[in-house]
């Protein structure tokens, strides 16, 4: 499977949050996030493992009881069912990969 950027659909969530689905395989899926400075996710958890790579900008991330600041070129692993949250620092782009496949979020 090949994915060409000109074929990706941008999904706008409002408040400067945008997502593109890069692809879904038989066991994992990959998302591209573009967010503006200051956005915070609520603390949450899910049954999928999550790997992320920051392309631009950064965020303060809390995984379980550990809080760190990550920037472009840094990555993170979130085990299944572990509570986590993000606070965006600067305009940020990141890739998230979920295994098994996570349901694609929908704008509210």
N, C-alpha and C. Protein backbone atom coordinates (compact mmCIF):
# COMPACT_ATOMS: atom_id res chain seq x y z
N UNK A 1 0.84 -1.18 0.00
CA UNK A 1 0.00 0.00 0.00
C UNK A 1 0.89 1.24 0.00
N UNK A 2 0.52 2.21 -0.79
CA UNK A 2 1.23 3.48 -0.84
C UNK A 2 0.26 4.60 -0.52
N UNK A 3 0.75 5.63 0.12
CA UNK A 3 -0.09 6.77 0.48
C UNK A 3 0.58 8.03 -0.06
N UNK A 4 -0.16 8.79 -0.84
CA UNK A 4 0.36 10.03 -1.41
C UNK A 4 -0.31 11.21 -0.71
N UNK A 5 0.50 12.18 -0.27
CA UNK A 5 -0.02 13.28 0.54
C UNK A 5 -1.16 14.04 -0.12
N UNK A 6 -1.14 14.14 -1.45
CA UNK A 6 -2.22 14.87 -2.13
C UNK A 6 -3.57 14.14 -2.06
N UNK A 7 -3.55 12.87 -1.66
CA UNK A 7 -4.79 12.10 -1.56
C UNK A 7 -5.34 12.02 -0.13
N UNK A 8 -4.61 12.60 0.83
CA UNK A 8 -5.05 12.52 2.22
C UNK A 8 -6.15 13.54 2.51
N UNK A 9 -7.18 13.10 3.20
CA UNK A 9 -8.26 13.99 3.60
C UNK A 9 -7.94 14.61 4.95
N UNK A 10 -8.05 15.93 5.04
CA UNK A 10 -7.84 16.63 6.30
C UNK A 10 -9.16 16.68 7.07
N UNK A 11 -9.13 16.25 8.33
CA UNK A 11 -10.32 16.30 9.18
C UNK A 11 -10.09 17.40 10.21
N UNK A 12 -10.95 18.41 10.23
CA UNK A 12 -10.82 19.52 11.16
C UNK A 12 -11.68 19.27 12.38
N UNK A 13 -11.04 19.37 13.55
CA UNK A 13 -11.73 19.19 14.81
C UNK A 13 -12.08 20.52 15.46
N UNK A 14 -11.66 21.63 14.85
CA UNK A 14 -11.86 22.95 15.45
C UNK A 14 -10.74 23.27 16.42
N UNK A 15 -10.66 24.52 16.84
CA UNK A 15 -9.66 25.00 17.80
C UNK A 15 -8.23 24.71 17.35
N UNK A 16 -8.01 24.60 16.03
CA UNK A 16 -6.65 24.39 15.52
C UNK A 16 -6.16 22.96 15.55
N UNK A 17 -7.08 21.99 15.63
CA UNK A 17 -6.71 20.57 15.65
C UNK A 17 -7.12 19.96 14.31
N UNK A 18 -6.14 19.40 13.60
CA UNK A 18 -6.38 18.75 12.32
C UNK A 18 -5.75 17.37 12.30
N UNK A 19 -6.40 16.42 11.61
CA UNK A 19 -5.91 15.05 11.55
C UNK A 19 -6.02 14.52 10.13
N UNK A 20 -5.04 13.72 9.75
CA UNK A 20 -5.09 12.99 8.48
C UNK A 20 -4.81 11.52 8.79
N UNK A 21 -5.62 10.64 8.21
CA UNK A 21 -5.38 9.20 8.36
C UNK A 21 -4.35 8.80 7.31
N UNK A 22 -3.18 8.37 7.77
CA UNK A 22 -2.11 7.98 6.85
C UNK A 22 -2.33 6.58 6.30
N UNK A 23 -3.03 5.75 7.06
CA UNK A 23 -3.31 4.41 6.57
C UNK A 23 -3.73 3.48 7.69
N UNK A 24 -4.38 2.41 7.29
CA UNK A 24 -4.81 1.37 8.21
C UNK A 24 -4.45 0.02 7.60
N UNK A 25 -3.72 -0.77 8.37
CA UNK A 25 -3.34 -2.10 7.93
C UNK A 25 -4.22 -3.14 8.59
N UNK A 26 -3.73 -4.35 8.67
CA UNK A 26 -4.51 -5.41 9.30
C UNK A 26 -4.35 -5.40 10.83
N UNK A 27 -3.25 -4.78 11.34
CA UNK A 27 -3.01 -4.80 12.78
C UNK A 27 -2.71 -3.43 13.39
N UNK A 28 -2.54 -2.40 12.56
CA UNK A 28 -2.22 -1.08 13.10
C UNK A 28 -2.76 0.00 12.18
N UNK A 29 -2.84 1.23 12.74
CA UNK A 29 -3.17 2.38 11.91
C UNK A 29 -2.29 3.56 12.30
N UNK A 30 -2.15 4.51 11.37
CA UNK A 30 -1.27 5.66 11.56
C UNK A 30 -2.02 6.94 11.26
N UNK A 31 -1.85 7.93 12.15
CA UNK A 31 -2.51 9.23 12.02
C UNK A 31 -1.47 10.34 12.05
N UNK A 32 -1.73 11.42 11.32
CA UNK A 32 -0.91 12.63 11.34
C UNK A 32 -1.74 13.72 12.01
N UNK A 33 -1.20 14.32 13.06
CA UNK A 33 -1.88 15.39 13.79
C UNK A 33 -1.16 16.71 13.56
N UNK A 34 -1.93 17.76 13.38
CA UNK A 34 -1.41 19.12 13.29
C UNK A 34 -2.22 19.96 14.27
N UNK A 35 -1.55 20.55 15.26
CA UNK A 35 -2.24 21.28 16.31
C UNK A 35 -1.54 22.60 16.62
N UNK A 36 -2.30 23.55 17.10
CA UNK A 36 -1.74 24.86 17.45
C UNK A 36 -1.33 24.90 18.92
N UNK A 37 -0.51 25.86 19.24
CA UNK A 37 0.02 26.05 20.58
C UNK A 37 -1.10 26.14 21.62
N UNK A 38 -0.87 25.50 22.76
CA UNK A 38 -1.75 25.64 23.91
C UNK A 38 -2.88 24.63 24.03
N UNK A 39 -3.10 23.83 23.00
CA UNK A 39 -4.18 22.82 23.06
C UNK A 39 -3.82 21.77 24.11
N UNK A 40 -4.80 21.35 24.89
CA UNK A 40 -4.59 20.29 25.88
C UNK A 40 -5.60 19.18 25.66
N UNK A 41 -5.12 17.95 25.71
CA UNK A 41 -6.04 16.81 25.63
C UNK A 41 -6.48 16.46 27.04
N UNK A 42 -7.68 15.95 27.18
CA UNK A 42 -8.07 15.45 28.50
C UNK A 42 -7.27 14.18 28.81
N UNK A 43 -7.11 13.91 30.08
CA UNK A 43 -6.45 12.65 30.46
C UNK A 43 -7.35 11.51 30.00
N UNK A 44 -6.74 10.51 29.36
CA UNK A 44 -7.52 9.39 28.82
C UNK A 44 -6.65 8.14 28.74
N UNK A 45 -7.27 7.04 28.43
CA UNK A 45 -6.57 5.77 28.20
C UNK A 45 -7.37 4.98 27.19
N UNK A 46 -6.71 4.02 26.55
CA UNK A 46 -7.37 3.17 25.56
C UNK A 46 -6.66 1.83 25.51
N UNK A 47 -7.32 0.81 24.97
CA UNK A 47 -6.75 -0.54 24.99
C UNK A 47 -5.63 -0.75 23.96
N UNK A 48 -5.40 0.22 23.08
CA UNK A 48 -4.35 0.08 22.07
C UNK A 48 -3.02 0.63 22.59
N UNK A 49 -1.91 0.01 22.18
CA UNK A 49 -0.60 0.61 22.40
C UNK A 49 -0.46 1.77 21.44
N UNK A 50 0.31 2.78 21.82
CA UNK A 50 0.46 3.97 20.99
C UNK A 50 1.94 4.35 20.91
N UNK A 51 2.41 4.56 19.69
CA UNK A 51 3.75 5.09 19.45
C UNK A 51 3.57 6.43 18.75
N UNK A 52 4.34 7.43 19.17
CA UNK A 52 4.26 8.73 18.52
C UNK A 52 5.64 9.30 18.22
N UNK A 53 5.69 10.08 17.15
CA UNK A 53 6.93 10.75 16.73
C UNK A 53 6.60 12.20 16.41
N UNK A 54 7.33 13.12 17.00
CA UNK A 54 7.07 14.55 16.81
C UNK A 54 7.89 15.06 15.63
N UNK A 55 7.19 15.60 14.65
CA UNK A 55 7.83 16.15 13.45
C UNK A 55 8.22 17.60 13.62
N UNK A 56 7.39 18.37 14.34
CA UNK A 56 7.57 19.82 14.48
C UNK A 56 6.93 20.25 15.80
N UNK A 57 7.52 21.23 16.45
CA UNK A 57 6.96 21.74 17.70
C UNK A 57 7.26 20.81 18.86
N UNK A 58 6.29 20.64 19.73
CA UNK A 58 6.50 19.75 20.87
C UNK A 58 5.31 19.74 21.79
N UNK A 59 5.42 18.99 22.86
CA UNK A 59 4.39 19.01 23.88
C UNK A 59 4.91 18.47 25.21
N UNK A 60 4.16 18.86 26.22
CA UNK A 60 4.36 18.28 27.54
C UNK A 60 3.44 17.08 27.57
N UNK A 61 4.01 15.93 27.86
CA UNK A 61 3.22 14.70 27.86
C UNK A 61 3.33 14.04 29.24
N UNK A 62 2.20 13.58 29.71
CA UNK A 62 2.15 12.83 30.96
C UNK A 62 1.68 11.42 30.62
N UNK A 63 2.50 10.43 30.97
CA UNK A 63 2.16 9.02 30.79
C UNK A 63 2.22 8.38 32.17
N UNK A 64 1.07 7.96 32.67
CA UNK A 64 1.03 7.45 34.04
C UNK A 64 1.39 8.58 35.00
N UNK A 65 2.43 8.39 35.80
CA UNK A 65 2.87 9.41 36.75
C UNK A 65 4.07 10.21 36.25
N UNK A 66 4.53 9.94 35.03
CA UNK A 66 5.73 10.59 34.51
C UNK A 66 5.36 11.70 33.53
N UNK A 67 5.94 12.90 33.75
CA UNK A 67 5.67 14.06 32.90
C UNK A 67 7.00 14.56 32.33
N UNK A 68 7.05 14.74 31.00
CA UNK A 68 8.25 15.25 30.34
C UNK A 68 7.84 16.22 29.22
N UNK A 69 8.81 16.99 28.74
CA UNK A 69 8.61 17.85 27.58
C UNK A 69 9.39 17.23 26.42
N UNK A 70 8.71 17.02 25.29
CA UNK A 70 9.32 16.45 24.10
C UNK A 70 9.28 17.47 22.97
N UNK A 71 10.26 17.39 22.07
CA UNK A 71 10.30 18.28 20.92
C UNK A 71 10.51 17.51 19.63
N UNK A 72 10.64 18.25 18.55
CA UNK A 72 10.81 17.65 17.22
C UNK A 72 11.94 16.63 17.24
N UNK A 73 11.67 15.46 16.70
CA UNK A 73 12.64 14.37 16.66
C UNK A 73 12.52 13.41 17.82
N UNK A 74 11.76 13.78 18.86
CA UNK A 74 11.54 12.89 20.00
C UNK A 74 10.36 11.98 19.73
N UNK A 75 10.28 10.89 20.48
CA UNK A 75 9.17 9.95 20.32
C UNK A 75 8.72 9.43 21.68
N UNK A 76 7.61 8.73 21.69
CA UNK A 76 7.04 8.22 22.93
C UNK A 76 6.30 6.91 22.66
N UNK A 77 6.26 6.07 23.68
CA UNK A 77 5.51 4.81 23.67
C UNK A 77 4.53 4.85 24.83
N UNK A 78 3.26 4.58 24.56
CA UNK A 78 2.25 4.54 25.61
C UNK A 78 1.68 3.12 25.64
N UNK A 79 1.89 2.40 26.76
CA UNK A 79 1.35 1.05 26.85
C UNK A 79 -0.19 1.07 26.85
N UNK A 80 -0.78 -0.03 26.50
CA UNK A 80 -2.24 -0.17 26.52
C UNK A 80 -2.77 0.10 27.92
N UNK A 81 -3.91 0.78 27.99
CA UNK A 81 -4.64 1.03 29.24
C UNK A 81 -3.89 1.87 30.26
N UNK A 82 -2.91 2.66 29.82
CA UNK A 82 -2.20 3.56 30.72
C UNK A 82 -2.70 4.98 30.47
N UNK A 83 -3.05 5.67 31.53
CA UNK A 83 -3.58 7.02 31.44
C UNK A 83 -2.50 7.98 30.91
N UNK A 84 -2.92 8.92 30.03
CA UNK A 84 -1.97 9.89 29.46
C UNK A 84 -2.70 11.14 28.99
N UNK A 85 -1.93 12.23 28.83
CA UNK A 85 -2.48 13.49 28.33
C UNK A 85 -1.35 14.31 27.70
N UNK A 86 -1.75 15.28 26.86
CA UNK A 86 -0.80 16.11 26.12
C UNK A 86 -1.14 17.59 26.29
N UNK A 87 -0.11 18.43 26.35
CA UNK A 87 -0.28 19.89 26.28
C UNK A 87 0.67 20.36 25.18
N UNK A 88 0.10 20.93 24.12
CA UNK A 88 0.87 21.32 22.94
C UNK A 88 1.71 22.56 23.24
N UNK A 89 2.97 22.53 22.79
CA UNK A 89 3.89 23.66 22.94
C UNK A 89 4.31 24.09 21.54
N UNK A 90 3.83 25.24 21.10
CA UNK A 90 4.11 25.70 19.74
C UNK A 90 3.25 24.95 18.74
N UNK A 91 3.19 25.45 17.52
CA UNK A 91 2.45 24.73 16.47
C UNK A 91 3.17 23.40 16.24
N UNK A 92 2.43 22.33 16.32
CA UNK A 92 3.02 20.99 16.40
C UNK A 92 2.43 20.04 15.37
N UNK A 93 3.29 19.17 14.83
CA UNK A 93 2.86 18.07 13.97
C UNK A 93 3.47 16.79 14.53
N UNK A 94 2.65 15.75 14.58
CA UNK A 94 3.12 14.47 15.11
C UNK A 94 2.42 13.31 14.39
N UNK A 95 3.08 12.19 14.40
CA UNK A 95 2.53 10.94 13.85
C UNK A 95 2.24 10.02 15.02
N UNK A 96 1.04 9.43 15.04
CA UNK A 96 0.68 8.42 16.03
C UNK A 96 0.40 7.10 15.32
N UNK A 97 0.90 6.02 15.88
CA UNK A 97 0.64 4.67 15.38
C UNK A 97 0.01 3.87 16.51
N UNK A 98 -1.10 3.21 16.21
CA UNK A 98 -1.83 2.44 17.21
C UNK A 98 -1.88 0.97 16.81
N UNK A 99 -1.71 0.10 17.83
CA UNK A 99 -1.80 -1.34 17.60
C UNK A 99 -2.45 -1.96 18.82
N UNK A 100 -3.52 -2.75 18.65
CA UNK A 100 -4.23 -2.98 17.39
C UNK A 100 -4.87 -1.69 16.89
N UNK A 101 -5.57 -1.78 15.79
CA UNK A 101 -6.17 -0.62 15.14
C UNK A 101 -7.09 0.11 16.11
N UNK A 102 -6.89 1.41 16.22
CA UNK A 102 -7.76 2.25 17.04
C UNK A 102 -8.82 2.88 16.15
N UNK A 103 -10.04 2.95 16.65
CA UNK A 103 -11.11 3.60 15.90
C UNK A 103 -10.71 5.05 15.62
N UNK A 104 -10.95 5.50 14.40
CA UNK A 104 -10.58 6.85 14.00
C UNK A 104 -11.51 7.84 14.70
N UNK A 105 -10.91 8.82 15.40
CA UNK A 105 -11.77 9.81 16.08
C UNK A 105 -12.57 10.64 15.08
N UNK A 106 -13.72 11.10 15.50
CA UNK A 106 -14.59 11.93 14.68
C UNK A 106 -14.74 13.30 15.34
N UNK A 107 -14.81 14.36 14.53
CA UNK A 107 -15.04 15.68 15.12
C UNK A 107 -16.41 15.72 15.81
N UNK A 108 -16.50 16.48 16.90
CA UNK A 108 -17.77 16.58 17.63
C UNK A 108 -18.68 17.59 16.96
